[in-house]
């Protein structure tokens, strides 16, 4: 069974094809940047969780405790370890 795709245009003018009702533009999602290469390599759920929390560059993590970040929906053990390693490499620590 094939699902029909419809062409859409997002508010930024990107044209794309979708077969679901999901309103997310794949081009905008791909172009979103959290400011640091390590964060851009995280899985999509982790990137969305950080974006929803207002975390952009790596230095933003200093505003949060490790537990606050770990408790975010979408942040799993793998993402947390990558974040902690990047923070340590850049001399950044979580809030106490």
PDB file of N, CA and C in Angstrom:
ATOM      1  N   UNK A   1       0.840  -1.176   0.000  1.00  0.00           N
ATOM      2  CA  UNK A   1       0.000   0.000   0.000  1.00  0.00           C
ATOM      3  C   UNK A   1       0.890   1.245   0.000  1.00  0.00           C
ATOM      4  N   UNK A   2       0.674   2.128  -0.914  1.00  0.00           N
ATOM      5  CA  UNK A   2       1.445   3.374  -0.991  1.00  0.00           C
ATOM      6  C   UNK A   2       0.624   4.517  -0.410  1.00  0.00           C
ATOM      7  N   UNK A   3       1.322   5.368   0.307  1.00  0.00           N
ATOM      8  CA  UNK A   3       0.685   6.544   0.852  1.00  0.00           C
ATOM      9  C   UNK A   3       0.980   7.714  -0.068  1.00  0.00           C
ATOM     10  N   UNK A   4      -0.039   8.456  -0.405  1.00  0.00           N
ATOM     11  CA  UNK A   4       0.155   9.590  -1.297  1.00  0.00           C
ATOM     12  C   UNK A   4       0.849  10.724  -0.558  1.00  0.00           C
ATOM     13  N   UNK A   5       1.771  11.360  -1.257  1.00  0.00           N
ATOM     14  CA  UNK A   5       2.483  12.505  -0.689  1.00  0.00           C
ATOM     15  C   UNK A   5       1.883  13.780  -1.261  1.00  0.00           C
ATOM     16  N   UNK A   6       1.911  14.799  -0.433  1.00  0.00           N
ATOM     17  CA  UNK A   6       1.451  16.097  -0.914  1.00  0.00           C
ATOM     18  C   UNK A   6       2.588  17.104  -0.778  1.00  0.00           C
ATOM     19  N   UNK A   7       2.648  18.018  -1.736  1.00  0.00           N
ATOM     20  CA  UNK A   7       3.692  19.029  -1.685  1.00  0.00           C
ATOM     21  C   UNK A   7       3.232  20.151  -0.762  1.00  0.00           C
ATOM     22  N   UNK A   8       4.166  20.603   0.076  1.00  0.00           N
ATOM     23  CA  UNK A   8       3.859  21.660   1.027  1.00  0.00           C
ATOM     24  C   UNK A   8       4.932  22.727   0.979  1.00  0.00           C
ATOM     25  N   UNK A   9       4.599  23.866   1.515  1.00  0.00           N
ATOM     26  CA  UNK A   9       5.545  24.973   1.631  1.00  0.00           C
ATOM     27  C   UNK A   9       5.481  25.474   3.065  1.00  0.00           C
ATOM     28  N   UNK A  10       6.636  25.532   3.724  1.00  0.00           N
ATOM     29  CA  UNK A  10       6.671  25.998   5.111  1.00  0.00           C
ATOM     30  C   UNK A  10       6.693  27.524   5.157  1.00  0.00           C
ATOM     31  N   UNK A  11       6.624  28.082   6.351  1.00  0.00           N
ATOM     32  CA  UNK A  11       6.600  29.538   6.514  1.00  0.00           C
ATOM     33  C   UNK A  11       7.906  30.200   6.067  1.00  0.00           C
ATOM     34  N   UNK A  12       8.978  29.400   5.946  1.00  0.00           N
ATOM     35  CA  UNK A  12      10.253  29.929   5.460  1.00  0.00           C
ATOM     36  C   UNK A  12      10.398  29.796   3.948  1.00  0.00           C
ATOM     37  N   UNK A  13       9.371  29.256   3.292  1.00  0.00           N
ATOM     38  CA  UNK A  13       9.376  29.145   1.841  1.00  0.00           C
ATOM     39  C   UNK A  13       9.960  27.853   1.297  1.00  0.00           C
ATOM     40  N   UNK A  14      10.333  26.916   2.167  1.00  0.00           N
ATOM     41  CA  UNK A  14      10.862  25.632   1.698  1.00  0.00           C
ATOM     42  C   UNK A  14       9.723  24.778   1.151  1.00  0.00           C
ATOM     43  N   UNK A  15       9.945  24.166   0.014  1.00  0.00           N
ATOM     44  CA  UNK A  15       8.960  23.250  -0.545  1.00  0.00           C
ATOM     45  C   UNK A  15       9.438  21.824  -0.303  1.00  0.00           C
ATOM     46  N   UNK A  16       8.522  20.978   0.148  1.00  0.00           N
ATOM     47  CA  UNK A  16       8.848  19.590   0.460  1.00  0.00           C
ATOM     48  C   UNK A  16       7.608  18.726   0.290  1.00  0.00           C
ATOM     49  N   UNK A  17       7.818  17.422   0.241  1.00  0.00           N
ATOM     50  CA  UNK A  17       6.732  16.462   0.093  1.00  0.00           C
ATOM     51  C   UNK A  17       6.569  15.699   1.399  1.00  0.00           C
ATOM     52  N   UNK A  18       5.323  15.498   1.820  1.00  0.00           N
ATOM     53  CA  UNK A  18       5.023  14.750   3.044  1.00  0.00           C
ATOM     54  C   UNK A  18       3.871  13.801   2.795  1.00  0.00           C
ATOM     55  N   UNK A  19       3.930  12.645   3.446  1.00  0.00           N
ATOM     56  CA  UNK A  19       2.835  11.687   3.332  1.00  0.00           C
ATOM     57  C   UNK A  19       2.022  11.619   4.620  1.00  0.00           C
ATOM     58  N   UNK A  20       2.432  12.396   5.637  1.00  0.00           N
ATOM     59  CA  UNK A  20       1.697  12.390   6.906  1.00  0.00           C
ATOM     60  C   UNK A  20       1.142  13.783   7.184  1.00  0.00           C
ATOM     61  N   UNK A  21       0.410  13.907   8.276  1.00  0.00           N
ATOM     62  CA  UNK A  21      -0.144  15.195   8.682  1.00  0.00           C
ATOM     63  C   UNK A  21       0.859  16.022   9.479  1.00  0.00           C
ATOM     64  N   UNK A  22       2.045  15.508   9.699  1.00  0.00           N
ATOM     65  CA  UNK A  22       3.069  16.197  10.477  1.00  0.00           C
ATOM     66  C   UNK A  22       3.412  17.537   9.816  1.00  0.00           C
ATOM     67  N   UNK A  23       3.311  18.634  10.564  1.00  0.00           N
ATOM     68  CA  UNK A  23       3.556  19.951   9.973  1.00  0.00           C
ATOM     69  C   UNK A  23       5.030  20.369   9.926  1.00  0.00           C
ATOM     70  N   UNK A  24       5.917  19.536  10.419  1.00  0.00           N
ATOM     71  CA  UNK A  24       7.336  19.906  10.511  1.00  0.00           C
ATOM     72  C   UNK A  24       7.996  19.867   9.136  1.00  0.00           C
ATOM     73  N   UNK A  25       8.666  20.957   8.814  1.00  0.00           N
ATOM     74  CA  UNK A  25       9.402  21.044   7.555  1.00  0.00           C
ATOM     75  C   UNK A  25      10.739  20.317   7.730  1.00  0.00           C
ATOM     76  N   UNK A  26      11.023  19.291   6.936  1.00  0.00           N
ATOM     77  CA  UNK A  26      12.276  18.562   7.091  1.00  0.00           C
ATOM     78  C   UNK A  26      13.506  19.421   6.779  1.00  0.00           C
ATOM     79  N   UNK A  27      13.348  20.403   5.929  1.00  0.00           N
ATOM     80  CA  UNK A  27      14.482  21.279   5.585  1.00  0.00           C
ATOM     81  C   UNK A  27      14.811  22.186   6.759  1.00  0.00           C
ATOM     82  N   UNK A  28      13.791  22.754   7.389  1.00  0.00           N
ATOM     83  CA  UNK A  28      14.015  23.596   8.574  1.00  0.00           C
ATOM     84  C   UNK A  28      14.628  22.782   9.704  1.00  0.00           C
ATOM     85  N   UNK A  29      14.132  21.563   9.912  1.00  0.00           N
ATOM     86  CA  UNK A  29      14.668  20.707  10.972  1.00  0.00           C
ATOM     87  C   UNK A  29      16.133  20.408  10.741  1.00  0.00           C
ATOM     88  N   UNK A  30      16.486  20.129   9.500  1.00  0.00           N
ATOM     89  CA  UNK A  30      17.874  19.820   9.176  1.00  0.00           C
ATOM     90  C   UNK A  30      18.769  21.037   9.364  1.00  0.00           C
ATOM     91  N   UNK A  31      18.235  22.216   9.099  1.00  0.00           N
ATOM     92  CA  UNK A  31      19.027  23.443   9.204  1.00  0.00           C
ATOM     93  C   UNK A  31      19.135  23.981  10.622  1.00  0.00           C
ATOM     94  N   UNK A  32      18.320  23.456  11.542  1.00  0.00           N
ATOM     95  CA  UNK A  32      18.403  23.932  12.921  1.00  0.00           C
ATOM     96  C   UNK A  32      19.774  23.584  13.468  1.00  0.00           C
ATOM     97  N   UNK A  33      20.349  24.509  14.163  1.00  0.00           N
ATOM     98  CA  UNK A  33      21.673  24.284  14.736  1.00  0.00           C
ATOM     99  C   UNK A  33      21.653  24.656  16.198  1.00  0.00           C
ATOM    100  N   UNK A  34      22.199  23.817  17.011  1.00  0.00           N
ATOM    101  CA  UNK A  34      22.302  24.114  18.427  1.00  0.00           C
ATOM    102  C   UNK A  34      23.600  24.831  18.735  1.00  0.00           C
ATOM    103  N   UNK A  35      24.362  25.165  17.721  1.00  0.00           N
ATOM    104  CA  UNK A  35      25.540  25.977  17.929  1.00  0.00           C
ATOM    105  C   UNK A  35      26.834  25.227  18.143  1.00  0.00           C
ATOM    106  N   UNK A  36      26.806  23.999  18.496  1.00  0.00           N
ATOM    107  CA  UNK A  36      28.019  23.231  18.745  1.00  0.00           C
ATOM    108  C   UNK A  36      27.954  21.913  17.977  1.00  0.00           C
ATOM    109  N   UNK A  37      29.064  21.531  17.364  1.00  0.00           N
ATOM    110  CA  UNK A  37      29.093  20.314  16.554  1.00  0.00           C
ATOM    111  C   UNK A  37      28.646  19.081  17.326  1.00  0.00           C
ATOM    112  N   UNK A  38      29.087  18.950  18.571  1.00  0.00           N
ATOM    113  CA  UNK A  38      28.723  17.776  19.359  1.00  0.00           C
ATOM    114  C   UNK A  38      27.215  17.710  19.544  1.00  0.00           C
ATOM    115  N   UNK A  39      26.594  18.834  19.825  1.00  0.00           N
ATOM    116  CA  UNK A  39      25.152  18.839  20.034  1.00  0.00           C
ATOM    117  C   UNK A  39      24.399  18.548  18.751  1.00  0.00           C
ATOM    118  N   UNK A  40      24.940  18.970  17.627  1.00  0.00           N
ATOM    119  CA  UNK A  40      24.285  18.696  16.350  1.00  0.00           C
ATOM    120  C   UNK A  40      24.331  17.220  15.993  1.00  0.00           C
ATOM    121  N   UNK A  41      25.218  16.464  16.609  1.00  0.00           N
ATOM    122  CA  UNK A  41      25.331  15.029  16.330  1.00  0.00           C
ATOM    123  C   UNK A  41      24.424  14.187  17.226  1.00  0.00           C
ATOM    124  N   UNK A  42      23.699  14.835  18.129  1.00  0.00           N
ATOM    125  CA  UNK A  42      22.773  14.093  18.990  1.00  0.00           C
ATOM    126  C   UNK A  42      21.563  13.650  18.172  1.00  0.00           C
ATOM    127  N   UNK A  43      20.874  12.653  18.683  1.00  0.00           N
ATOM    128  CA  UNK A  43      19.658  12.169  18.024  1.00  0.00           C
ATOM    129  C   UNK A  43      18.587  13.254  18.066  1.00  0.00           C
ATOM    130  N   UNK A  44      17.659  13.175  17.140  1.00  0.00           N
ATOM    131  CA  UNK A  44      16.605  14.189  17.020  1.00  0.00           C
ATOM    132  C   UNK A  44      15.816  14.412  18.315  1.00  0.00           C
ATOM    133  N   UNK A  45      15.420  13.356  19.056  1.00  0.00           N
ATOM    134  CA  UNK A  45      14.673  13.617  20.294  1.00  0.00           C
ATOM    135  C   UNK A  45      15.480  14.445  21.301  1.00  0.00           C
ATOM    136  N   UNK A  46      16.773  14.198  21.378  1.00  0.00           N
ATOM    137  CA  UNK A  46      17.618  14.962  22.299  1.00  0.00           C
ATOM    138  C   UNK A  46      17.738  16.408  21.829  1.00  0.00           C
ATOM    139  N   UNK A  47      17.911  16.618  20.531  1.00  0.00           N
ATOM    140  CA  UNK A  47      18.010  17.976  20.005  1.00  0.00           C
ATOM    141  C   UNK A  47      16.718  18.754  20.248  1.00  0.00           C
ATOM    142  N   UNK A  48      15.581  18.086  20.065  1.00  0.00           N
ATOM    143  CA  UNK A  48      14.294  18.754  20.310  1.00  0.00           C
ATOM    144  C   UNK A  48      14.139  19.110  21.785  1.00  0.00           C
ATOM    145  N   UNK A  49      14.555  18.205  22.664  1.00  0.00           N
ATOM    146  CA  UNK A  49      14.452  18.464  24.103  1.00  0.00           C
ATOM    147  C   UNK A  49      15.280  19.678  24.485  1.00  0.00           C
ATOM    148  N   UNK A  50      16.489  19.763  23.951  1.00  0.00           N
ATOM    149  CA  UNK A  50      17.363  20.891  24.264  1.00  0.00           C
ATOM    150  C   UNK A  50      16.808  22.190  23.685  1.00  0.00           C
ATOM    151  N   UNK A  51      16.297  22.138  22.479  1.00  0.00           N
ATOM    152  CA  UNK A  51      15.721  23.333  21.853  1.00  0.00           C
ATOM    153  C   UNK A  51      14.507  23.814  22.645  1.00  0.00           C
ATOM    154  N   UNK A  52      13.672  22.870  23.086  1.00  0.00           N
ATOM    155  CA  UNK A  52      12.490  23.229  23.871  1.00  0.00           C
ATOM    156  C   UNK A  52      12.856  23.836  25.222  1.00  0.00           C
ATOM    157  N   UNK A  53      14.020  23.466  25.745  1.00  0.00           N
ATOM    158  CA  UNK A  53      14.487  24.012  27.031  1.00  0.00           C
ATOM    159  C   UNK A  53      15.240  25.320  26.843  1.00  0.00           C
ATOM    160  N   UNK A  54      15.407  25.736  25.597  1.00  0.00           N
ATOM    161  CA  UNK A  54      16.117  26.979  25.333  1.00  0.00           C
ATOM    162  C   UNK A  54      17.624  26.845  25.393  1.00  0.00           C
ATOM    163  N   UNK A  55      18.108  25.623  25.255  1.00  0.00           N
ATOM    164  CA  UNK A  55      19.548  25.384  25.289  1.00  0.00           C
ATOM    165  C   UNK A  55      20.074  25.460  23.866  1.00  0.00           C
ATOM    166  N   UNK A  56      20.966  26.396  23.634  1.00  0.00           N
ATOM    167  CA  UNK A  56      21.576  26.564  22.323  1.00  0.00           C
ATOM    168  C   UNK A  56      23.018  26.142  22.372  1.00  0.00           C
ATOM    169  N   UNK A  57      23.914  27.090  22.642  1.00  0.00           N
ATOM    170  CA  UNK A  57      25.335  26.720  22.706  1.00  0.00           C
ATOM    171  C   UNK A  57      25.639  25.902  23.962  1.00  0.00           C
ATOM    172  N   UNK A  58      26.744  25.238  23.916  1.00  0.00           N
ATOM    173  CA  UNK A  58      27.177  24.372  25.015  1.00  0.00           C
ATOM    174  C   UNK A  58      27.207  25.113  26.345  1.00  0.00           C
ATOM    175  N   UNK A  59      27.565  26.385  26.329  1.00  0.00           N
ATOM    176  CA  UNK A  59      27.656  27.160  27.569  1.00  0.00           C
ATOM    177  C   UNK A  59      26.315  27.280  28.293  1.00  0.00           C
ATOM    178  N   UNK A  60      25.199  27.090  27.587  1.00  0.00           N
ATOM    179  CA  UNK A  60      23.879  27.169  28.215  1.00  0.00           C
ATOM    180  C   UNK A  60      23.662  26.081  29.260  1.00  0.00           C
ATOM    181  N   UNK A  61      24.411  24.989  29.162  1.00  0.00           N
ATOM    182  CA  UNK A  61      24.232  23.905  30.123  1.00  0.00           C
ATOM    183  C   UNK A  61      24.622  24.325  31.536  1.00  0.00           C
ATOM    184  N   UNK A  62      25.427  25.358  31.672  1.00  0.00           N
ATOM    185  CA  UNK A  62      25.846  25.807  33.001  1.00  0.00           C
ATOM    186  C   UNK A  62      24.674  26.389  33.788  1.00  0.00           C
ATOM    187  N   UNK A  63      23.546  26.638  33.123  1.00  0.00           N
ATOM    188  CA  UNK A  63      22.342  27.155  33.784  1.00  0.00           C
ATOM    189  C   UNK A  63      21.486  26.034  34.380  1.00  0.00           C
ATOM    190  N   UNK A  64      21.831  24.798  34.077  1.00  0.00           N
ATOM    191  CA  UNK A  64      21.032  23.645  34.494  1.00  0.00           C
ATOM    192  C   UNK A  64      21.872  22.686  35.329  1.00  0.00           C
ATOM    193  N   UNK A  65      21.197  21.941  36.212  1.00  0.00           N
ATOM    194  CA  UNK A  65      21.889  20.867  36.917  1.00  0.00           C
ATOM    195  C   UNK A  65      21.904  19.642  36.004  1.00  0.00           C
ATOM    196  N   UNK A  66      22.797  18.720  36.310  1.00  0.00           N
ATOM    197  CA  UNK A  66      22.857  17.488  35.520  1.00  0.00           C
ATOM    198  C   UNK A  66      21.535  16.736  35.591  1.00  0.00           C
ATOM    199  N   UNK A  67      20.928  16.721  36.771  1.00  0.00           N
ATOM    200  CA  UNK A  67      19.647  16.021  36.931  1.00  0.00           C
ATOM    201  C   UNK A  67      18.538  16.659  36.110  1.00  0.00           C
ATOM    202  N   UNK A  68      18.538  18.003  36.007  1.00  0.00           N
ATOM    203  CA  UNK A  68      17.522  18.677  35.202  1.00  0.00           C
ATOM    204  C   UNK A  68      17.644  18.274  33.731  1.00  0.00           C
ATOM    205  N   UNK A  69      18.862  18.201  33.239  1.00  0.00           N
ATOM    206  CA  UNK A  69      19.072  17.807  31.841  1.00  0.00           C
ATOM    207  C   UNK A  69      18.711  16.334  31.660  1.00  0.00           C
ATOM    208  N   UNK A  70      19.138  15.496  32.581  1.00  0.00           N
ATOM    209  CA  UNK A  70      18.864  14.058  32.483  1.00  0.00           C
ATOM    210  C   UNK A  70      17.369  13.764  32.515  1.00  0.00           C
ATOM    211  N   UNK A  71      16.602  14.609  33.211  1.00  0.00           N
ATOM    212  CA  UNK A  71      15.157  14.394  33.338  1.00  0.00           C
ATOM    213  C   UNK A  71      14.362  14.901  32.139  1.00  0.00           C
ATOM    214  N   UNK A  72      15.016  15.580  31.204  1.00  0.00           N
ATOM    215  CA  UNK A  72      14.303  16.086  30.029  1.00  0.00           C
ATOM    216  C   UNK A  72      13.875  14.922  29.142  1.00  0.00           C
ATOM    217  N   UNK A  73      12.624  14.976  28.701  1.00  0.00           N
ATOM    218  CA  UNK A  73      12.125  13.944  27.801  1.00  0.00           C
ATOM    219  C   UNK A  73      12.900  14.023  26.496  1.00  0.00           C
ATOM    220  N   UNK A  74      13.536  12.940  26.111  1.00  0.00           N
ATOM    221  CA  UNK A  74      14.332  12.908  24.881  1.00  0.00           C
ATOM    222  C   UNK A  74      15.825  12.800  25.153  1.00  0.00           C
ATOM    223  N   UNK A  75      16.230  13.077  26.394  1.00  0.00           N
ATOM    224  CA  UNK A  75      17.641  12.963  26.760  1.00  0.00           C
ATOM    225  C   UNK A  75      17.864  11.598  27.398  1.00  0.00           C
ATOM    226  N   UNK A  76      18.540  10.735  26.683  1.00  0.00           N
ATOM    227  CA  UNK A  76      18.848   9.414  27.204  1.00  0.00           C
ATOM    228  C   UNK A  76      20.282   9.353  27.701  1.00  0.00           C
ATOM    229  N   UNK A  77      20.703   8.189  28.184  1.00  0.00           N
ATOM    230  CA  UNK A  77      22.059   8.034  28.713  1.00  0.00           C
ATOM    231  C   UNK A  77      23.144   8.352  27.682  1.00  0.00           C
ATOM    232  N   UNK A  78      22.928   7.972  26.440  1.00  0.00           N
ATOM    233  CA  UNK A  78      23.912   8.223  25.390  1.00  0.00           C
ATOM    234  C   UNK A  78      24.077   9.727  25.153  1.00  0.00           C
ATOM    235  N   UNK A  79      22.971  10.440  25.032  1.00  0.00           N
ATOM    236  CA  UNK A  79      23.023  11.891  24.811  1.00  0.00           C
ATOM    237  C   UNK A  79      23.678  12.581  25.996  1.00  0.00           C
ATOM    238  N   UNK A  80      23.320  12.163  27.201  1.00  0.00           N
ATOM    239  CA  UNK A  80      23.873  12.793  28.398  1.00  0.00           C
ATOM    240  C   UNK A  80      25.385  12.609  28.460  1.00  0.00           C
ATOM    241  N   UNK A  81      25.862  11.430  28.109  1.00  0.00           N
ATOM    242  CA  UNK A  81      27.313  11.188  28.118  1.00  0.00           C
ATOM    243  C   UNK A  81      28.032  12.060  27.084  1.00  0.00           C
ATOM    244  N   UNK A  82      27.441  12.214  25.912  1.00  0.00           N
ATOM    245  CA  UNK A  82      28.042  13.067  24.879  1.00  0.00           C
ATOM    246  C   UNK A  82      28.079  14.527  25.337  1.00  0.00           C
ATOM    247  N   UNK A  83      27.010  14.964  25.975  1.00  0.00           N
ATOM    248  CA  UNK A  83      26.942  16.334  26.480  1.00  0.00           C
ATOM    249  C   UNK A  83      27.996  16.549  27.562  1.00  0.00           C
ATOM    250  N   UNK A  84      28.076  15.612  28.505  1.00  0.00           N
ATOM    251  CA  UNK A  84      29.044  15.739  29.597  1.00  0.00           C
ATOM    252  C   UNK A  84      30.476  15.747  29.078  1.00  0.00           C
ATOM    253  N   UNK A  85      30.775  14.906  28.084  1.00  0.00           N
ATOM    254  CA  UNK A  85      32.123  14.855  27.516  1.00  0.00           C
ATOM    255  C   UNK A  85      32.465  16.172  26.823  1.00  0.00           C
ATOM    256  N   UNK A  86      31.513  16.720  26.080  1.00  0.00           N
ATOM    257  CA  UNK A  86      31.745  17.995  25.389  1.00  0.00           C
ATOM    258  C   UNK A  86      31.926  19.124  26.397  1.00  0.00           C
ATOM    259  N   UNK A  87      31.135  19.104  27.449  1.00  0.00           N
ATOM    260  CA  UNK A  87      31.270  20.140  28.488  1.00  0.00           C
ATOM    261  C   UNK A  87      32.644  20.052  29.148  1.00  0.00           C
ATOM    262  N   UNK A  88      33.069  18.849  29.500  1.00  0.00           N
ATOM    263  CA  UNK A  88      34.364  18.665  30.154  1.00  0.00           C
ATOM    264  C   UNK A  88      35.496  19.140  29.239  1.00  0.00           C
ATOM    265  N   UNK A  89      35.391  18.833  27.959  1.00  0.00           N
ATOM    266  CA  UNK A  89      36.435  19.224  27.006  1.00  0.00           C
ATOM    267  C   UNK A  89      36.517  20.742  26.841  1.00  0.00           C
ATOM    268  N   UNK A  90      35.426  21.424  27.167  1.00  0.00           N
ATOM    269  CA  UNK A  90      35.379  22.877  27.010  1.00  0.00           C
ATOM    270  C   UNK A  90      35.395  23.614  28.355  1.00  0.00           C
ATOM    271  N   UNK A  91      35.658  22.888  29.432  1.00  0.00           N
ATOM    272  CA  UNK A  91      35.752  23.511  30.750  1.00  0.00           C
ATOM    273  C   UNK A  91      34.441  24.058  31.281  1.00  0.00           C
ATOM    274  N   UNK A  92      33.339  23.446  30.887  1.00  0.00           N
ATOM    275  CA  UNK A  92      32.011  23.882  31.316  1.00  0.00           C
ATOM    276  C   UNK A  92      31.450  22.855  32.281  1.00  0.00           C
ATOM    277  N   UNK A  93      30.765  23.340  33.313  1.00  0.00           N
ATOM    278  CA  UNK A  93      30.154  22.405  34.259  1.00  0.00           C
ATOM    279  C   UNK A  93      28.686  22.765  34.485  1.00  0.00           C
ATOM    280  N   UNK A  94      27.939  21.775  34.947  1.00  0.00           N
ATOM    281  CA  UNK A  94      26.540  21.982  35.252  1.00  0.00           C
ATOM    282  C   UNK A  94      26.407  22.888  36.470  1.00  0.00           C
ATOM    283  N   UNK A  95      25.245  23.489  36.605  1.00  0.00           N
ATOM    284  CA  UNK A  95      24.929  24.286  37.781  1.00  0.00           C
ATOM    285  C   UNK A  95      24.853  23.346  38.994  1.00  0.00           C
ATOM    286  N   UNK A  96      25.108  23.881  40.146  1.00  0.00           N
ATOM    287  CA  UNK A  96      25.044  23.040  41.376  1.00  0.00           C
ATOM    288  C   UNK A  96      23.675  23.082  41.990  1.00  0.00           C
TER     289      UNK A  96
END
